[in-house]
Protein backbone atom coordinates (compact mmCIF):
# COMPACT_ATOMS: atom_id res chain seq x y z
CA MET A 1 -5.74 65.94 -23.56
CA LYS A 2 -7.96 66.11 -20.49
CA LYS A 3 -9.84 63.33 -21.67
CA ILE A 4 -6.98 61.08 -22.36
CA VAL A 5 -5.51 61.76 -18.66
CA LEU A 6 -9.09 60.81 -17.43
CA ILE A 7 -9.06 57.72 -19.29
CA VAL A 8 -5.63 56.66 -18.32
CA LEU A 9 -6.65 57.47 -14.55
CA ALA A 10 -9.65 55.40 -14.88
CA VAL A 11 -7.46 52.49 -16.34
CA ILE A 12 -5.13 52.53 -13.44
CA ILE A 13 -7.89 52.82 -10.99
CA LEU A 14 -9.70 49.76 -12.30
CA SER A 15 -6.40 47.76 -12.74
CA ALA A 16 -5.62 48.54 -8.92
CA VAL A 17 -9.02 47.29 -7.97
CA LYS A 18 -8.62 44.25 -9.92
CA LEU A 19 -5.28 43.83 -8.52
CA MET A 20 -6.51 44.18 -4.98
CA PHE A 21 -9.38 41.47 -5.51
CA MET A 22 -6.95 39.13 -7.21
CA SER A 23 -4.78 39.40 -4.45
CA ALA A 24 -7.35 38.82 -1.97
CA LYS A 25 -7.83 35.33 -3.55
CA LEU A 26 -5.51 32.70 -1.87
CA ASN A 27 -4.73 29.45 -3.37
CA ILE A 28 -2.63 26.18 -2.27
CA ASN A 29 -1.69 23.56 -4.72
CA GLN A 30 0.91 21.24 -3.70
CA GLY A 31 1.71 17.60 -3.97
CA VAL A 32 4.55 14.88 -3.66
CA ALA A 33 4.79 11.27 -5.10
CA ILE A 34 5.76 8.84 -2.40
CA ASP A 35 7.31 5.41 -2.81
CA ALA A 36 4.95 3.88 -0.26
CA SER A 37 1.52 1.98 -0.93
CA ASP A 38 -1.69 3.83 -0.76
CA ALA A 39 -2.71 1.46 2.26
CA ILE A 40 0.41 2.81 4.18
CA ALA A 41 -0.81 6.46 3.16
CA SER A 42 -4.16 5.73 4.53
CA LYS A 43 -2.97 4.15 7.75
CA PHE A 44 -0.87 7.46 8.68
CA LEU A 45 -2.80 9.98 7.06
CA ILE A 46 -6.72 9.15 7.69
CA ASN A 47 -5.95 7.63 11.20
CA LYS A 48 -5.08 10.72 13.43
CA ASN A 49 -2.79 8.45 15.63
CA GLY A 50 -0.71 8.34 12.65
CA TRP A 51 -0.04 12.01 12.46
CA ASP A 52 2.13 12.34 15.62
CA LYS A 53 4.71 10.03 13.93
CA TRP A 54 5.39 12.35 10.79
CA TRP A 55 4.22 15.90 11.65
CA PRO A 56 7.43 18.03 11.74
CA GLY A 57 5.75 20.71 14.24
CA GLN A 58 3.79 20.82 17.37
CA LYS A 59 0.74 18.62 18.29
CA VAL A 60 -1.58 21.11 20.49
CA ASN A 61 -4.40 18.35 20.47
CA ASP A 62 -5.92 15.51 18.01
CA ASN A 63 -7.35 18.17 15.73
CA HIS A 64 -4.79 21.19 16.21
CA TYR A 65 -1.37 21.12 14.90
CA ARG A 66 1.18 24.01 14.54
CA PHE A 67 4.03 24.57 12.13
CA LYS A 68 6.19 27.68 11.59
CA GLY A 69 3.67 30.12 12.51
CA SER A 70 0.49 28.43 11.03
CA ASP A 71 -2.09 26.72 12.66
CA PHE A 72 -3.83 23.56 11.02
CA TYR A 73 -7.27 22.24 12.37
CA ILE A 74 -8.48 19.30 11.14
CA THR A 75 -12.27 19.65 10.44
CA LYS A 76 -13.27 16.38 8.92
CA ILE A 77 -11.76 12.98 7.97
CA THR A 78 -13.23 10.62 5.34
CA ASN A 79 -11.89 7.48 3.65
CA GLY A 80 -9.83 9.22 1.10
CA ASP A 81 -9.50 12.75 2.49
CA VAL A 82 -8.52 14.98 5.39
CA TYR A 83 -9.93 18.59 5.45
CA LEU A 84 -8.04 21.16 7.19
CA GLN A 85 -8.56 24.92 8.28
CA ILE A 86 -5.40 26.72 8.06
CA LYS A 87 -4.79 30.26 9.84
CA ASN A 88 -1.85 32.35 9.57
CA ASN A 89 -1.26 36.22 9.89
CA GLY A 90 -4.87 36.67 10.34
CA LEU A 91 -5.68 34.77 6.95
CA THR A 92 -7.74 31.53 6.75
CA TYR A 93 -7.79 28.63 4.24
CA ASP A 94 -10.03 25.74 3.85
CA SER A 95 -7.56 22.87 2.45
CA ASP A 96 -7.84 19.19 1.70
CA ILE A 97 -5.29 16.50 1.54
CA SER A 98 -6.05 13.70 -0.50
CA TYR A 99 -4.07 10.62 -1.55
CA LEU A 100 -4.36 8.25 -4.89
CA ALA A 101 -2.52 5.16 -5.57
CA GLY A 102 0.32 5.50 -8.20
CA GLU A 103 2.30 2.97 -10.21
CA GLU A 104 4.33 0.24 -8.99
CA GLY A 105 3.28 0.65 -5.26
CA SER A 106 3.64 4.45 -5.17
CA VAL A 107 0.94 6.79 -3.93
CA ASN A 108 0.35 10.57 -4.81
CA VAL A 109 -0.56 12.92 -2.12
CA SER A 110 -2.04 16.24 -2.96
CA TRP A 111 -2.74 19.24 -0.71
CA THR A 112 -5.16 21.99 -2.16
CA GLY A 113 -6.47 25.02 -0.40
CA ARG A 114 -8.34 28.19 -0.98
CA GLY A 115 -8.56 31.44 1.17
CA LYS A 116 -9.91 34.83 1.19
CA GLY A 117 -7.15 37.60 1.87
CA LYS A 118 -7.69 41.00 3.23
CA THR A 119 -8.77 43.61 0.53
CA GLY A 120 -6.96 46.86 0.05
CA LEU A 121 -3.80 48.40 -1.31
CA LEU A 122 -1.78 47.91 1.62
CA SER A 123 -2.87 44.41 1.97
CA ILE A 124 -1.46 43.18 -1.50
CA VAL A 125 1.97 42.44 -0.29
CA ASN A 126 0.69 40.99 3.08
CA ASN A 127 -1.49 38.60 1.27
CA ALA A 128 1.23 37.33 -1.31
CA THR A 129 3.53 37.05 1.40
CA THR A 130 1.51 35.01 3.63
CA ASN A 131 0.28 32.69 0.85
CA ARG A 132 3.90 32.05 -0.27
CA ALA A 133 4.80 31.15 3.36
CA VAL A 134 2.10 28.89 3.85
CA SER A 135 2.48 26.99 0.40
CA GLU A 136 6.49 26.83 1.54
CA GLN A 137 5.37 25.25 4.82
CA ILE A 138 3.07 22.58 3.21
CA VAL A 139 5.94 21.62 0.98
CA GLU A 140 7.99 21.04 4.10
CA ILE A 141 5.34 19.19 5.79
CA LEU A 142 4.76 16.93 2.81
CA ASP A 143 8.49 16.31 2.40
CA SER A 144 8.40 15.39 6.10
CA MET A 145 5.40 12.64 5.30
CA ASN A 146 7.65 11.55 2.18
CA HIS A 147 10.70 10.66 4.45
CA PHE A 148 8.54 9.05 7.06
CA LEU A 149 6.55 6.83 4.92
CA THR A 150 9.36 5.61 2.62
CA ASP A 151 11.19 4.20 5.33
CA GLU A 152 10.00 0.86 5.93
CA ARG A 153 11.24 0.78 9.62
CA ASN A 154 8.59 3.38 10.42
CA THR A 155 5.79 1.96 8.43
CA TYR A 156 6.41 -1.83 8.91
CA GLY A 157 8.83 -1.91 11.79
CA TYR A 158 11.79 -3.67 9.91
CA LYS A 159 13.97 -2.47 6.92
CA ILE A 160 12.54 -4.56 4.19
CA TYR A 161 14.68 -4.89 0.88
CA LEU A 162 15.24 -6.87 -2.19
CA ASN A 163 17.84 -9.27 -2.71
CA HIS A 164 18.50 -12.12 -5.18
CA ALA A 165 19.12 -15.98 -4.49
CA LYS A 166 22.73 -17.04 -4.51
CA ASP A 167 22.20 -20.64 -2.81
CA THR A 168 20.85 -22.91 -5.58
CA VAL A 169 21.36 -26.37 -4.19
CA LEU A 170 19.44 -27.37 -0.86
CA LEU A 171 19.61 -30.45 1.14
CA ALA A 172 16.00 -30.32 2.86
CA THR A 173 13.54 -32.44 4.80
CA SER A 174 10.20 -32.04 6.51
CA GLY A 175 7.87 -33.40 9.11
CA SER A 176 4.71 -32.92 11.04
CA TYR A 177 4.36 -32.25 14.74
CA VAL A 178 1.42 -32.01 17.15
CA ALA A 179 3.29 -29.03 18.94
CA ALA A 180 5.70 -26.64 17.77
CA PRO A 181 9.16 -28.24 17.38
CA SER A 182 11.69 -27.55 20.01
CA ILE A 183 15.14 -25.81 19.45
CA GLU A 184 16.77 -29.22 20.36
CA SER A 185 14.96 -31.15 17.66
CA ILE A 186 15.30 -28.54 14.94
CA TYR A 187 19.27 -28.58 15.50
CA ARG A 188 19.19 -32.58 15.64
CA ILE A 189 17.82 -32.26 12.17
CA ILE A 190 20.08 -29.65 11.04
CA ASP A 191 23.30 -31.51 12.36
CA SER A 192 21.82 -34.71 10.59
CA LEU A 193 21.66 -32.73 7.35
CA LYS A 194 25.33 -31.27 7.97
CA TYR A 195 26.56 -35.00 8.46
CA GLN A 196 24.91 -36.17 5.40
CA ALA A 197 26.30 -33.60 3.41
CA LYS A 198 29.87 -34.28 4.71
CA GLN A 199 29.72 -37.73 4.12
CA GLN A 200 29.34 -37.05 0.29
CA GLY A 201 32.02 -34.40 0.09
CA ALA A 202 29.45 -31.39 0.00
CA THR A 203 29.90 -28.29 2.24
CA PRO A 204 27.41 -25.67 3.57
CA THR A 205 27.22 -22.34 1.56
CA ASN A 206 25.07 -20.50 3.93
CA PHE A 207 23.35 -20.67 7.60
CA PRO A 208 20.46 -23.37 7.83
CA MET A 209 17.08 -22.31 6.66
CA LEU A 210 13.78 -22.97 8.74
CA ASN A 211 9.96 -22.69 8.22
CA VAL A 212 7.74 -23.82 10.81
CA THR A 213 3.90 -23.53 9.99
CA GLN A 214 0.82 -24.08 11.87
CA THR A 215 -1.91 -25.80 9.90
CA ASP A 216 -4.25 -26.58 12.84
CA GLN A 217 -4.51 -26.29 16.57
CA ASP A 218 -2.45 -29.29 17.07
CA ALA A 219 -0.53 -29.57 13.62
CA TYR A 220 2.37 -28.13 12.73
CA THR A 221 4.77 -28.60 9.66
CA LEU A 222 8.49 -28.03 9.89
CA ASN A 223 10.69 -27.46 6.94
CA VAL A 224 14.63 -27.54 7.28
CA ALA A 225 17.21 -26.93 4.39
CA LEU A 226 20.92 -26.73 4.52
CA PRO A 227 22.32 -24.88 1.39
CA ILE A 228 25.29 -26.93 0.01
CA ASN A 229 27.71 -26.47 -2.87
CA LYS A 230 26.76 -29.38 -4.93
CA PRO A 231 24.00 -31.69 -5.46
CA ILE A 232 24.19 -35.13 -3.44
CA ALA A 233 22.35 -38.16 -3.38
CA PRO A 234 19.70 -37.71 -0.67
CA ALA A 235 19.06 -40.42 1.94
CA GLY A 236 15.95 -41.17 4.27
CA LYS A 237 13.40 -38.35 4.07
CA THR A 238 15.63 -35.89 2.53
CA THR A 239 15.60 -34.39 -0.80
CA ILE A 240 17.52 -31.97 -3.08
CA ASN A 241 15.89 -28.78 -3.99
CA HIS A 242 16.94 -26.42 -6.68
CA ILE A 243 16.19 -22.75 -6.55
CA PRO A 244 16.81 -20.33 -9.40
CA LYS A 245 19.71 -18.33 -9.24
CA GLY A 246 19.20 -14.62 -8.89
CA GLY A 247 15.53 -15.23 -7.98
CA ASN A 248 13.87 -12.26 -6.20
CA LEU A 249 13.76 -12.37 -2.63
CA LEU A 250 12.29 -9.93 -0.01
CA VAL A 251 14.35 -9.75 2.84
CA ALA A 252 14.24 -8.27 6.60
CA ASP A 253 16.78 -8.29 9.29
CA VAL A 254 15.48 -9.46 12.71
CA ARG A 255 16.91 -9.02 16.21
CA GLY A 256 14.91 -10.93 18.91
CA GLY A 257 12.98 -14.24 19.64
CA GLN A 258 10.18 -15.96 18.27
CA LYS A 259 7.47 -13.41 18.73
CA THR A 260 9.76 -10.70 17.09
CA ILE A 261 10.19 -13.19 14.19
CA ASP A 262 6.48 -14.11 14.03
CA ASN A 263 5.80 -10.24 13.90
CA ALA A 264 8.47 -9.47 11.29
CA LEU A 265 6.81 -12.32 8.95
CA ALA A 266 3.35 -10.77 9.48
CA GLN A 267 4.64 -7.41 8.35
CA MET A 268 6.25 -8.67 5.68
CA LYS A 269 3.17 -10.38 4.45
CA MET A 270 1.38 -7.20 4.79
CA TYR A 271 4.10 -5.58 2.90
CA MET A 272 3.66 -7.80 0.06
CA LYS A 273 -0.12 -7.11 0.13
CA ASP A 274 0.16 -3.59 0.05
CA HIS A 275 2.66 -3.61 -2.92
CA ARG A 276 0.67 -6.32 -4.71
CA LEU A 277 3.57 -8.77 -4.58
CA ILE A 278 2.94 -12.45 -4.94
CA SER A 279 5.29 -15.42 -3.39
CA PRO A 280 5.60 -18.47 -5.45
CA ALA A 281 6.94 -20.25 -2.36
CA MET A 282 7.01 -20.55 1.56
CA PRO A 283 8.94 -18.04 3.38
CA PHE A 284 12.09 -19.08 5.50
CA GLN A 285 14.35 -17.95 8.32
CA LEU A 286 17.96 -17.93 7.94
CA LEU A 287 19.41 -18.93 11.32
CA ILE A 288 22.43 -16.98 11.55
CA THR A 289 22.65 -17.18 15.55
CA ASP A 290 23.01 -20.81 16.76
CA ARG A 291 19.77 -20.58 18.85
CA LEU A 292 21.04 -24.10 20.64
CA THR A 293 24.06 -22.17 22.28
CA GLU A 294 22.69 -18.72 22.62
CA ARG A 295 19.66 -18.85 24.61
CA ASP A 296 19.03 -15.16 25.34
CA THR A 297 16.62 -14.63 22.55
CA SER A 298 17.21 -10.76 22.52
CA LYS A 299 20.75 -11.56 20.82
CA TRP A 300 19.14 -13.85 18.08
CA VAL A 301 19.90 -12.63 14.73
CA THR A 302 17.56 -13.87 11.83
CA LYS A 303 17.19 -13.06 8.12
CA ILE A 304 13.91 -13.45 6.89
CA TYR A 305 13.41 -14.31 3.54
CA TYR A 306 10.13 -14.32 1.18
CA PRO A 307 10.34 -15.48 -2.58
CA ILE A 308 8.52 -12.90 -4.85
CA PHE A 309 7.75 -12.61 -8.50
């Protein structure tokens, strides 16, 4: 009987020792799939300047951040990883944030870490509680990153969304210039297109469309089109263009002058590159505001369209 008691006691002691050492091993393994490109993840994760924008807690300095009782110290950054030391309640973790491109323009972000807790029976609960708290904090941090990166207004400066072509008949014209065409010259062309359409019983179905492309230092190509409700016999240098109904269009709503519009076009081009989209045709501006009568460029409202596959 005494022997059995000793054996049972030994098993209990060994189990307690094993439990102490197991509880001293701290592990973090969290991740999130984000509807954004790996290029955007790199821009705001690998670049320290991007952390200020999505970090949900306090920034102490460029390498030290705080969130809900934990301190995060950036120790190293590579092309694909950010290494951090995490400290909470006397415990320390070595952790790594990495990202990998997923399917259809998404990115998978993983945060793993290991630490060593305190040993001793009294530390078992403390280790487990702290490990759970740090893991939950990391889930919140990744959630904050997810919300930030999935909003194109944060990452590209504009809300970029998908729409479909409704105007299928375009009365269009083009020309070459040695300088950027003036607003007056653009609207003279628009007025001539409206007049030509009216003469043949056609009516506009949307605002005028514009594309100005600089092809050389002193060379610009101007394309202007007027969506109309039916085909007509084009005159002079005009043509009738047909676009497929329901075709995919990438859209951004822009308020501001030409510099703002040019920036939006550049950001949309970057968006397409990041998401591996191809455009079968030139982008165009939908001139919602009459720029001839509204001279305050801050009040200009423009929709930018990029046809995409």
